[in-house]
Every structure is written in C-alpha cells, then in structure tokens.
C-alpha atoms as a PDB file:
ATOM      1  CA  MET A   1      -1.799  21.621  24.111  1.00  0.00           C
ATOM      2  CA  SER A   2       1.308  20.620  22.212  1.00  0.00           C
ATOM      3  CA  PHE A   3      -0.702  18.643  19.670  1.00  0.00           C
ATOM      4  CA  THR A   4      -3.146  21.475  18.962  1.00  0.00           C
ATOM      5  CA  LEU A   5      -0.318  23.975  18.630  1.00  0.00           C
ATOM      6  CA  THR A   6       1.620  21.832  16.166  1.00  0.00           C
ATOM      7  CA  SER A   7      -1.494  20.933  14.191  1.00  0.00           C
ATOM      8  CA  LYS A   8      -2.118  24.645  13.666  1.00  0.00           C
ATOM      9  CA  LEU A   9       1.453  25.257  12.544  1.00  0.00           C
ATOM     10  CA  TYR A  10       1.091  23.605   9.164  1.00  0.00           C
ATOM     11  CA  PRO A  11      -0.929  20.795   7.605  1.00  0.00           C
ATOM     12  CA  ALA A  12       0.369  17.294   8.239  1.00  0.00           C
ATOM     13  CA  ASN A  13       0.703  16.602   4.516  1.00  0.00           C
ATOM     14  CA  HIS A  14       3.287  19.283   3.829  1.00  0.00           C
ATOM     15  CA  LYS A  15       6.112  16.840   4.677  1.00  0.00           C
ATOM     16  CA  THR A  16       6.921  13.561   2.950  1.00  0.00           C
ATOM     17  CA  VAL A  17       9.861  11.289   3.694  1.00  0.00           C
ATOM     18  CA  PHE A  18      11.031   8.563   1.329  1.00  0.00           C
ATOM     19  CA  VAL A  19      13.105   5.833   2.943  1.00  0.00           C
ATOM     20  CA  LEU A  20      14.793   3.946   0.137  1.00  0.00           C
ATOM     21  CA  ASP A  21      16.158   0.476   0.809  1.00  0.00           C
ATOM     22  CA  HIS A  22      19.838   0.564  -0.223  1.00  0.00           C
ATOM     23  CA  THR A  23      20.604  -2.943   1.036  1.00  0.00           C
ATOM     24  CA  PRO A  24      22.115  -5.616  -1.242  1.00  0.00           C
ATOM     25  CA  TYR A  25      18.658  -7.085  -1.840  1.00  0.00           C
ATOM     26  CA  PHE A  26      17.616  -3.979  -3.786  1.00  0.00           C
ATOM     27  CA  GLY A  27      20.561  -4.407  -6.137  1.00  0.00           C
ATOM     28  CA  ILE A  28      18.938  -7.446  -7.720  1.00  0.00           C
ATOM     29  CA  SER A  29      17.053  -7.299 -10.989  1.00  0.00           C
ATOM     30  CA  CYS A  30      13.328  -6.656 -10.975  1.00  0.00           C
ATOM     31  CA  GLU A  31      13.230  -8.892 -14.068  1.00  0.00           C
ATOM     32  CA  ASN A  32      11.302  -6.424 -16.174  1.00  0.00           C
ATOM     33  CA  PRO A  33      13.438  -6.422 -19.338  1.00  0.00           C
ATOM     34  CA  ILE A  34      13.992  -3.331 -21.425  1.00  0.00           C
ATOM     35  CA  GLU A  35      14.525  -4.251 -25.046  1.00  0.00           C
ATOM     36  CA  PHE A  36      16.344  -1.996 -27.470  1.00  0.00           C
ATOM     37  CA  GLU A  37      15.818  -2.080 -31.200  1.00  0.00           C
ATOM     38  CA  PHE A  38      17.756   0.544 -33.088  1.00  0.00           C
ATOM     39  CA  LEU A  39      16.690  -0.364 -36.603  1.00  0.00           C
ATOM     40  CA  LYS A  40      13.149  -0.832 -37.828  1.00  0.00           C
ATOM     41  CA  SER A  41      14.174  -3.599 -40.181  1.00  0.00           C
ATOM     42  CA  ARG A  42      16.858  -6.058 -39.270  1.00  0.00           C
ATOM     43  CA  THR A  43      19.652  -6.518 -41.734  1.00  0.00           C
ATOM     44  CA  PRO A  44      21.175  -9.942 -42.377  1.00  0.00           C
ATOM     45  CA  GLY A  45      23.733 -10.807 -39.742  1.00  0.00           C
ATOM     46  CA  PHE A  46      22.234  -8.387 -37.230  1.00  0.00           C
ATOM     47  CA  ILE A  47      22.705  -9.619 -33.681  1.00  0.00           C
ATOM     48  CA  PRO A  48      20.124  -8.138 -31.297  1.00  0.00           C
ATOM     49  CA  MET A  49      21.272  -6.805 -27.945  1.00  0.00           C
ATOM     50  CA  ASN A  50      20.471  -8.793 -24.863  1.00  0.00           C
ATOM     51  CA  PRO A  51      17.624  -7.241 -22.885  1.00  0.00           C
ATOM     52  CA  ILE A  52      18.615  -5.091 -19.932  1.00  0.00           C
ATOM     53  CA  SER A  53      16.737  -5.231 -16.632  1.00  0.00           C
ATOM     54  CA  LYS A  54      16.485  -2.492 -14.047  1.00  0.00           C
ATOM     55  CA  SER A  55      17.343  -3.219 -10.447  1.00  0.00           C
ATOM     56  CA  LEU A  56      14.814  -2.857  -7.654  1.00  0.00           C
ATOM     57  CA  TRP A  57      16.902   0.138  -6.512  1.00  0.00           C
ATOM     58  CA  THR A  58      16.568   1.868  -9.897  1.00  0.00           C
ATOM     59  CA  SER A  59      12.822   1.269  -9.989  1.00  0.00           C
ATOM     60  CA  SER A  60      12.308   2.634  -6.474  1.00  0.00           C
ATOM     61  CA  VAL A  61      14.437   5.725  -7.168  1.00  0.00           C
ATOM     62  CA  GLU A  62      12.567   6.399 -10.426  1.00  0.00           C
ATOM     63  CA  SER A  63       9.214   6.096  -8.639  1.00  0.00           C
ATOM     64  CA  ALA A  64      10.199   8.490  -5.856  1.00  0.00           C
ATOM     65  CA  ILE A  65      11.619  11.007  -8.344  1.00  0.00           C
ATOM     66  CA  GLU A  66       8.409  10.862 -10.395  1.00  0.00           C
ATOM     67  CA  TYR A  67       6.409  11.505  -7.220  1.00  0.00           C
ATOM     68  CA  CYS A  68       8.497  14.635  -6.579  1.00  0.00           C
ATOM     69  CA  ARG A  69       8.134  15.814 -10.152  1.00  0.00           C
ATOM     70  CA  ILE A  70       4.340  15.520  -9.967  1.00  0.00           C
ATOM     71  CA  VAL A  71       3.963  17.039  -6.482  1.00  0.00           C
ATOM     72  CA  TRP A  72       6.283  19.960  -7.218  1.00  0.00           C
ATOM     73  CA  ASP A  73       4.504  20.630 -10.529  1.00  0.00           C
ATOM     74  CA  LEU A  74       1.103  20.691  -8.811  1.00  0.00           C
ATOM     75  CA  PHE A  75       2.284  22.459  -5.634  1.00  0.00           C
ATOM     76  CA  PRO A  76       5.342  24.614  -6.393  1.00  0.00           C
ATOM     77  CA  GLN A  77       5.425  25.895  -2.788  1.00  0.00           C
ATOM     78  CA  GLY A  78       4.813  24.274   0.570  1.00  0.00           C
ATOM     79  CA  LYS A  79       5.264  20.551  -0.171  1.00  0.00           C
ATOM     80  CA  LEU A  80       8.569  19.331   1.201  1.00  0.00           C
ATOM     81  CA  VAL A  81      10.170  15.953   0.490  1.00  0.00           C
ATOM     82  CA  ARG A  82      13.094  14.303   2.272  1.00  0.00           C
ATOM     83  CA  PHE A  83      15.096  11.371   0.944  1.00  0.00           C
ATOM     84  CA  ILE A  84      16.866   8.869   3.162  1.00  0.00           C
ATOM     85  CA  ALA A  85      18.648   5.793   1.834  1.00  0.00           C
ATOM     86  CA  SER A  86      19.280   3.010   4.306  1.00  0.00           C
ATOM     87  CA  ASP A  87      21.892   0.265   4.283  1.00  0.00           C
ATOM     88  CA  THR A  88      24.379  -0.086   7.167  1.00  0.00           C
ATOM     89  CA  VAL A  89      23.616   3.543   8.094  1.00  0.00           C
ATOM     90  CA  ALA A  90      21.024   6.147   7.152  1.00  0.00           C
ATOM     91  CA  HIS A  91      22.167   8.346   4.261  1.00  0.00           C
ATOM     92  CA  ILE A  92      20.276  11.640   4.555  1.00  0.00           C
ATOM     93  CA  LEU A  93      20.212  13.092   1.051  1.00  0.00           C
ATOM     94  CA  ASN A  94      18.507  16.428   1.723  1.00  0.00           C
ATOM     95  CA  THR A  95      16.978  18.602   4.440  1.00  0.00           C
ATOM     96  CA  TRP A  96      13.733  20.567   4.743  1.00  0.00           C
ATOM     97  CA  SER A  97      15.556  23.628   3.384  1.00  0.00           C
ATOM     98  CA  PRO A  98      13.810  25.033   0.284  1.00  0.00           C
ATOM     99  CA  THR A  99      17.201  25.213  -1.466  1.00  0.00           C
ATOM    100  CA  GLN A 100      17.437  21.407  -1.286  1.00  0.00           C
ATOM    101  CA  GLN A 101      13.906  20.779  -2.529  1.00  0.00           C
ATOM    102  CA  ASN A 102      14.751  20.164  -6.174  1.00  0.00           C
ATOM    103  CA  LEU A 103      15.482  17.198  -8.403  1.00  0.00           C
ATOM    104  CA  THR A 104      19.054  18.278  -9.141  1.00  0.00           C
ATOM    105  CA  HIS A 105      20.020  18.192  -5.469  1.00  0.00           C
ATOM    106  CA  ILE A 106      18.322  14.846  -4.903  1.00  0.00           C
ATOM    107  CA  MET A 107      19.797  13.210  -8.013  1.00  0.00           C
ATOM    108  CA  ASN A 108      23.278  14.436  -7.043  1.00  0.00           C
ATOM    109  CA  GLY A 109      22.798  12.793  -3.649  1.00  0.00           C
ATOM    110  CA  MET A 110      21.648   9.577  -5.309  1.00  0.00           C
ATOM    111  CA  SER A 111      24.720   9.542  -7.535  1.00  0.00           C
ATOM    112  CA  LEU A 112      26.991   9.998  -4.506  1.00  0.00           C
ATOM    113  CA  ILE A 113      25.661   6.928  -2.686  1.00  0.00           C
ATOM    114  CA  GLY A 114      25.563   4.869  -5.886  1.00  0.00           C
ATOM    115  CA  ILE A 115      24.009   1.491  -6.394  1.00  0.00           C
ATOM    116  CA  PRO A 116      23.457  -0.922  -3.513  1.00  0.00           C
ATOM    117  CA  PRO A 117      26.432  -3.108  -2.603  1.00  0.00           C
ATOM    118  CA  PRO A 118      26.523  -6.669  -3.898  1.00  0.00           C
ATOM    119  CA  PRO A 119      25.311  -9.371  -1.537  1.00  0.00           C
ATOM    120  CA  PRO A 120      28.048 -11.083   0.484  1.00  0.00           C
ATOM    121  CA  PRO A 121      29.126 -14.554  -0.646  1.00  0.00           C
ATOM    122  CA  LEU A 122      27.048 -17.328   0.884  1.00  0.00           C
ATOM    123  CA  ARG A 123      30.034 -18.930   2.601  1.00  0.00           C
ATOM    124  CA  SER A 124      31.531 -15.700   3.885  1.00  0.00           C
ATOM    125  CA  VAL A 125      33.448 -16.104   7.162  1.00  0.00           C
ATOM    126  CA  SER A 126      33.609 -12.385   7.924  1.00  0.00           C
ATOM    127  CA  THR A 127      31.019 -10.837  10.204  1.00  0.00           C
ATOM    128  CA  PRO A 128      28.064  -9.594   8.177  1.00  0.00           C
ATOM    129  CA  LEU A 129      27.378  -5.891   8.122  1.00  0.00           C
ATOM    130  CA  ASP A 130      24.112  -4.703   9.619  1.00  0.00           C
ATOM    131  CA  TYR A 131      22.182  -4.014   6.405  1.00  0.00           C
ATOM    132  CA  THR A 132      18.684  -2.929   7.375  1.00  0.00           C
ATOM    133  CA  VAL A 133      16.080  -0.349   6.508  1.00  0.00           C
ATOM    134  CA  LEU A 134      15.607   0.348  10.231  1.00  0.00           C
ATOM    135  CA  HIS A 135      18.454   2.884  10.195  1.00  0.00           C
ATOM    136  CA  GLY A 136      16.516   4.874   7.599  1.00  0.00           C
ATOM    137  CA  LEU A 137      13.204   4.556   9.427  1.00  0.00           C
ATOM    138  CA  ARG A 138      14.788   5.916  12.607  1.00  0.00           C
ATOM    139  CA  ALA A 139      16.224   8.868  10.660  1.00  0.00           C
ATOM    140  CA  ALA A 140      12.834   9.441   8.981  1.00  0.00           C
ATOM    141  CA  ILE A 141      11.051   9.709  12.332  1.00  0.00           C
ATOM    142  CA  GLU A 142      13.673  12.180  13.509  1.00  0.00           C
ATOM    143  CA  ALA A 143      13.306  14.163  10.268  1.00  0.00           C
ATOM    144  CA  LEU A 144       9.530  14.382  10.651  1.00  0.00           C
ATOM    145  CA  SER A 145       9.972  15.821  14.129  1.00  0.00           C
ATOM    146  CA  GLU A 146      12.231  18.610  12.822  1.00  0.00           C
ATOM    147  CA  SER A 147      10.510  21.938  12.251  1.00  0.00           C
ATOM    148  CA  THR A 148      10.589  23.351   8.763  1.00  0.00           C
ATOM    149  CA  ASP A 149      11.196  27.047   8.104  1.00  0.00           C
ATOM    150  CA  LEU A 150       7.443  27.503   7.606  1.00  0.00           C
ATOM    151  CA  GLN A 151       6.640  25.768  10.893  1.00  0.00           C
ATOM    152  CA  GLN A 152       9.174  27.915  12.736  1.00  0.00           C
ATOM    153  CA  GLU A 153       7.588  31.074  11.290  1.00  0.00           C
ATOM    154  CA  LYS A 154       4.083  29.926  12.253  1.00  0.00           C
ATOM    155  CA  SER A 155       5.293  28.965  15.728  1.00  0.00           C
ATOM    156  CA  LYS A 156       6.839  32.387  16.219  1.00  0.00           C
ATOM    157  CA  GLU A 157       3.661  34.091  14.942  1.00  0.00           C
ATOM    158  CA  SER A 158       1.538  31.914  17.232  1.00  0.00           C
ATOM    159  CA  LEU A 159       3.684  32.714  20.271  1.00  0.00           C
ATOM    160  CA  ASP A 160       3.678  36.426  19.389  1.00  0.00           C
ATOM    161  CA  GLY A 161      -0.120  36.300  19.066  1.00  0.00           C
ATOM    162  CA  GLN A 162      -0.446  34.663  22.487  1.00  0.00           C
ATOM    163  CA  LYS A 163       1.792  37.303  24.084  1.00  0.00           C
ATOM    164  CA  ASN A 164      -0.210  40.125  22.492  1.00  0.00           C
ATOM    165  CA  SER A 165      -3.539  38.685  23.692  1.00  0.00           C
ATOM    166  CA  GLU A 166      -2.354  38.506  27.315  1.00  0.00           C
END
C-alpha cells in the first residue's frame, strides 16, 4: 500500500539529486586546455598566455548547473534539484524548498565549499582523512526519502479523500 500511495503523490521524476565528488581527485586538471587570444594579429614581441585547464570539479559543476538551467527553463514549476558535495562529509547545498531551487542559491553554496582540497603528499605520516563519495550518496538517499512540499500536500489531500469516502 505504501508504494501505491507514494507513487500517486507525485511522479518519480520530479526530484533529482546531484552528488558531486569534492575529493582531492576532482581537483586535478581534466587536460582540456582553454586558450586565450586577445588580439587578432600578434604584434612583434607578443608572448602568448599559457593555456588554462579546468579541473574535473569545475567541469562537473558546470555540467550540473547547465542541467538545472535547461530543466528549469523547460519546467519552471515542479522539477526539484538537490546538490550534495562529498569529501570527508556530505555538504548539503540546498533543500527541496522552492526558495532554494535557483541558480543563485546553488552557486553561493558552491562558492562556500570552494575547490576540492589538494591531495595529501605521498609520504604523509598523518592519518589520511576519509575522502569518499559515499558520504554524499548516503545523504542523497536520505534526501530522496524526504517529502517535498508538493508531496506533503498530495498526501494530505489523499488522506482527506480517504476519510471522506469512509
């Protein structure tokens, strides 16, 4: 009964959770250089800038943000996205609240956690921190089990409808 009740509450695709890997590995370059050329013709003595490469973290954040931009343009209401960054803990960047379903809120959260930490030195004698994406996956499963405002409304309506039919 529980499954049929929850499946009627709202479609399964109204929630999306992005778990972004914020471990030191994602701080490395994705080796896709971005070249800058400010002048169309090079003057004598012009020294070109070295190419800049994005990190894996930057590429994954850009991809997730683009997903949100597209989904929220196509479906302005009813499609909710959660962001969780995972390193030694799960960093929950937003909730299912409609007030936190915007790019400004998400980008502010991204700026607060910053770039991934550098990898520890190879010959480090200190105990390594528990960098893993599993913290984020655990938080994502918990987030998916949380009811959204829309699900709570539908649940209340469904329970009211059952009481009225009795």
